Structure formats: C-alpha cells, structure tokens
Amino acid sequence: MVIGASSPARSSGVSSNGSMALLTQREAADALRISSRTLERHRVAGTGPIFVKLGRRVVYRAHDLAAWAEAHTHRSTSEFTVG
C-alpha cells in the first residue's frame, strides 16, 4: 500500500489546487493499518511520524506517514534493534 498516493497530487502531500493534504489521526491510523490509540501512543512517546499541531488539532501529512513507514522497513526480524 502506498500512503497518500491515491492521486499524483496526494503523493507529494499537495493537492491539485495547491493546498496541503492533511489527514486526521483516524485517517492516518487507517492508512498505516494501526489503531488510532497506537498512533497516539507513538506520538506521546516521540516514536511516531511527524505531526502538525493546528491549535488543539493534530493532523498528519501523507508524505510524513510514508517516510515514517519507510524508516521502519526491515528485511528480517534480526535487523530490528531496541534502543
């Protein structure tokens, strides 16, 4: 699955009219196929994708989700290290 790549404009995080594609926590969690609560825990721990804070609202840019998923891609379980 390619996050935010439903159209060429969304793959860059910018829509065809020039506005930035922002996803709610629920939409971001759905795109990553994790629970909204897991995404929230990652945000609080500082281990999740980069987010944007608009007042009290938390949103995610599609390209930040893709970058976070790419950074957590492994070929084998032996590649994973804690710390």
C-alpha atoms as a PDB file:
ATOM      1  CA  MET A   1       0.000   0.000   0.000  1.00  0.00           C
ATOM      2  CA  VAL A   2       1.272   3.460  -0.857  1.00  0.00           C
ATOM      3  CA  ILE A   3       0.264   6.016   1.720  1.00  0.00           C
ATOM      4  CA  GLY A   4      -1.354   9.101   0.261  1.00  0.00           C
ATOM      5  CA  ALA A   5      -0.828   8.007  -3.343  1.00  0.00           C
ATOM      6  CA  SER A   6      -4.440   7.809  -4.432  1.00  0.00           C
ATOM      7  CA  SER A   7      -3.616  10.550  -6.915  1.00  0.00           C
ATOM      8  CA  PRO A   8      -0.366  12.069  -8.159  1.00  0.00           C
ATOM      9  CA  ALA A   9      -1.118  15.253  -6.262  1.00  0.00           C
ATOM     10  CA  ARG A  10      -1.560  13.455  -2.924  1.00  0.00           C
ATOM     11  CA  SER A  11       1.706  11.535  -3.266  1.00  0.00           C
ATOM     12  CA  SER A  12       3.580  14.804  -2.815  1.00  0.00           C
ATOM     13  CA  GLY A  13       1.325  15.907   0.045  1.00  0.00           C
ATOM     14  CA  VAL A  14      -0.085  18.791  -2.004  1.00  0.00           C
ATOM     15  CA  SER A  15      -3.456  18.688  -3.731  1.00  0.00           C
ATOM     16  CA  SER A  16      -4.045  19.844  -7.288  1.00  0.00           C
ATOM     17  CA  ASN A  17      -5.291  23.224  -6.056  1.00  0.00           C
ATOM     18  CA  GLY A  18      -2.042  23.802  -4.107  1.00  0.00           C
ATOM     19  CA  SER A  19      -3.358  23.038  -0.620  1.00  0.00           C
ATOM     20  CA  MET A  20      -1.558  20.604   1.675  1.00  0.00           C
ATOM     21  CA  ALA A  21      -3.145  17.159   2.135  1.00  0.00           C
ATOM     22  CA  LEU A  22      -3.719  16.723   5.865  1.00  0.00           C
ATOM     23  CA  LEU A  23      -5.064  13.565   7.489  1.00  0.00           C
ATOM     24  CA  THR A  24      -6.805  13.269  10.830  1.00  0.00           C
ATOM     25  CA  GLN A  25      -5.455  10.862  13.438  1.00  0.00           C
ATOM     26  CA  ARG A  26      -8.089   8.294  12.425  1.00  0.00           C
ATOM     27  CA  GLU A  27      -7.257   8.649   8.705  1.00  0.00           C
ATOM     28  CA  ALA A  28      -3.524   8.395   9.412  1.00  0.00           C
ATOM     29  CA  ALA A  29      -4.004   5.310  11.584  1.00  0.00           C
ATOM     30  CA  ASP A  30      -6.172   3.709   8.899  1.00  0.00           C
ATOM     31  CA  ALA A  31      -3.532   4.450   6.252  1.00  0.00           C
ATOM     32  CA  LEU A  32      -0.843   2.845   8.438  1.00  0.00           C
ATOM     33  CA  ARG A  33      -3.186  -0.010   9.386  1.00  0.00           C
ATOM     34  CA  ILE A  34      -2.681   0.545  13.106  1.00  0.00           C
ATOM     35  CA  SER A  35      -5.159   1.612  15.745  1.00  0.00           C
ATOM     36  CA  SER A  36      -5.738   5.271  16.429  1.00  0.00           C
ATOM     37  CA  ARG A  37      -4.671   4.658  20.034  1.00  0.00           C
ATOM     38  CA  THR A  38      -1.361   3.087  18.919  1.00  0.00           C
ATOM     39  CA  LEU A  39      -0.660   6.123  16.744  1.00  0.00           C
ATOM     40  CA  GLU A  40      -1.474   8.372  19.713  1.00  0.00           C
ATOM     41  CA  ARG A  41       0.925   6.410  21.954  1.00  0.00           C
ATOM     42  CA  HIS A  42       3.679   6.733  19.350  1.00  0.00           C
ATOM     43  CA  ARG A  43       3.062  10.500  19.226  1.00  0.00           C
ATOM     44  CA  VAL A  44       3.248  10.863  23.017  1.00  0.00           C
ATOM     45  CA  ALA A  45       6.429   8.735  23.189  1.00  0.00           C
ATOM     46  CA  GLY A  46       8.020  10.634  20.308  1.00  0.00           C
ATOM     47  CA  THR A  47       8.428   7.452  18.248  1.00  0.00           C
ATOM     48  CA  GLY A  48       5.715   8.101  15.680  1.00  0.00           C
ATOM     49  CA  PRO A  49       5.520  10.008  12.435  1.00  0.00           C
ATOM     50  CA  ILE A  50       5.959  13.762  12.349  1.00  0.00           C
ATOM     51  CA  PHE A  51       2.663  15.546  13.008  1.00  0.00           C
ATOM     52  CA  VAL A  52       1.274  19.045  12.631  1.00  0.00           C
ATOM     53  CA  LYS A  53      -0.450  20.782  15.521  1.00  0.00           C
ATOM     54  CA  LEU A  54      -3.115  23.268  14.431  1.00  0.00           C
ATOM     55  CA  GLY A  55      -4.369  24.795  17.639  1.00  0.00           C
ATOM     56  CA  ARG A  56      -5.609  21.781  19.605  1.00  0.00           C
ATOM     57  CA  ARG A  57      -5.975  19.656  16.484  1.00  0.00           C
ATOM     58  CA  VAL A  58      -3.367  17.067  15.467  1.00  0.00           C
ATOM     59  CA  VAL A  59      -3.058  16.211  11.762  1.00  0.00           C
ATOM     60  CA  TYR A  60      -0.562  14.300   9.654  1.00  0.00           C
ATOM     61  CA  ARG A  61       0.879  14.951   6.204  1.00  0.00           C
ATOM     62  CA  ALA A  62       0.725  11.933   3.899  1.00  0.00           C
ATOM     63  CA  HIS A  63       4.404  12.201   2.959  1.00  0.00           C
ATOM     64  CA  ASP A  64       5.417  12.168   6.656  1.00  0.00           C
ATOM     65  CA  LEU A  65       3.486   8.920   7.172  1.00  0.00           C
ATOM     66  CA  ALA A  66       5.198   7.371   4.159  1.00  0.00           C
ATOM     67  CA  ALA A  67       8.635   8.491   5.398  1.00  0.00           C
ATOM     68  CA  TRP A  68       7.980   7.043   8.866  1.00  0.00           C
ATOM     69  CA  ALA A  69       6.819   3.734   7.408  1.00  0.00           C
ATOM     70  CA  GLU A  70       9.886   3.626   5.139  1.00  0.00           C
ATOM     71  CA  ALA A  71      12.197   4.295   8.091  1.00  0.00           C
ATOM     72  CA  HIS A  72      10.663   1.283   9.868  1.00  0.00           C
ATOM     73  CA  THR A  73      11.045  -1.148   6.981  1.00  0.00           C
ATOM     74  CA  HIS A  74      13.185  -4.239   7.625  1.00  0.00           C
ATOM     75  CA  ARG A  75      14.120  -7.327   5.614  1.00  0.00           C
ATOM     76  CA  SER A  76      14.428  -9.611   8.626  1.00  0.00           C
ATOM     77  CA  THR A  77      13.462  -9.652  12.278  1.00  0.00           C
ATOM     78  CA  SER A  78      17.159  -9.870  13.116  1.00  0.00           C
ATOM     79  CA  GLU A  79      17.631  -6.346  11.712  1.00  0.00           C
ATOM     80  CA  PHE A  80      15.430  -4.873  14.425  1.00  0.00           C
ATOM     81  CA  THR A  81      17.302  -3.433  17.390  1.00  0.00           C
ATOM     82  CA  VAL A  82      15.869  -1.884  20.519  1.00  0.00           C
ATOM     83  CA  GLY A  83      17.414   1.254  21.823  1.00  0.00           C
END
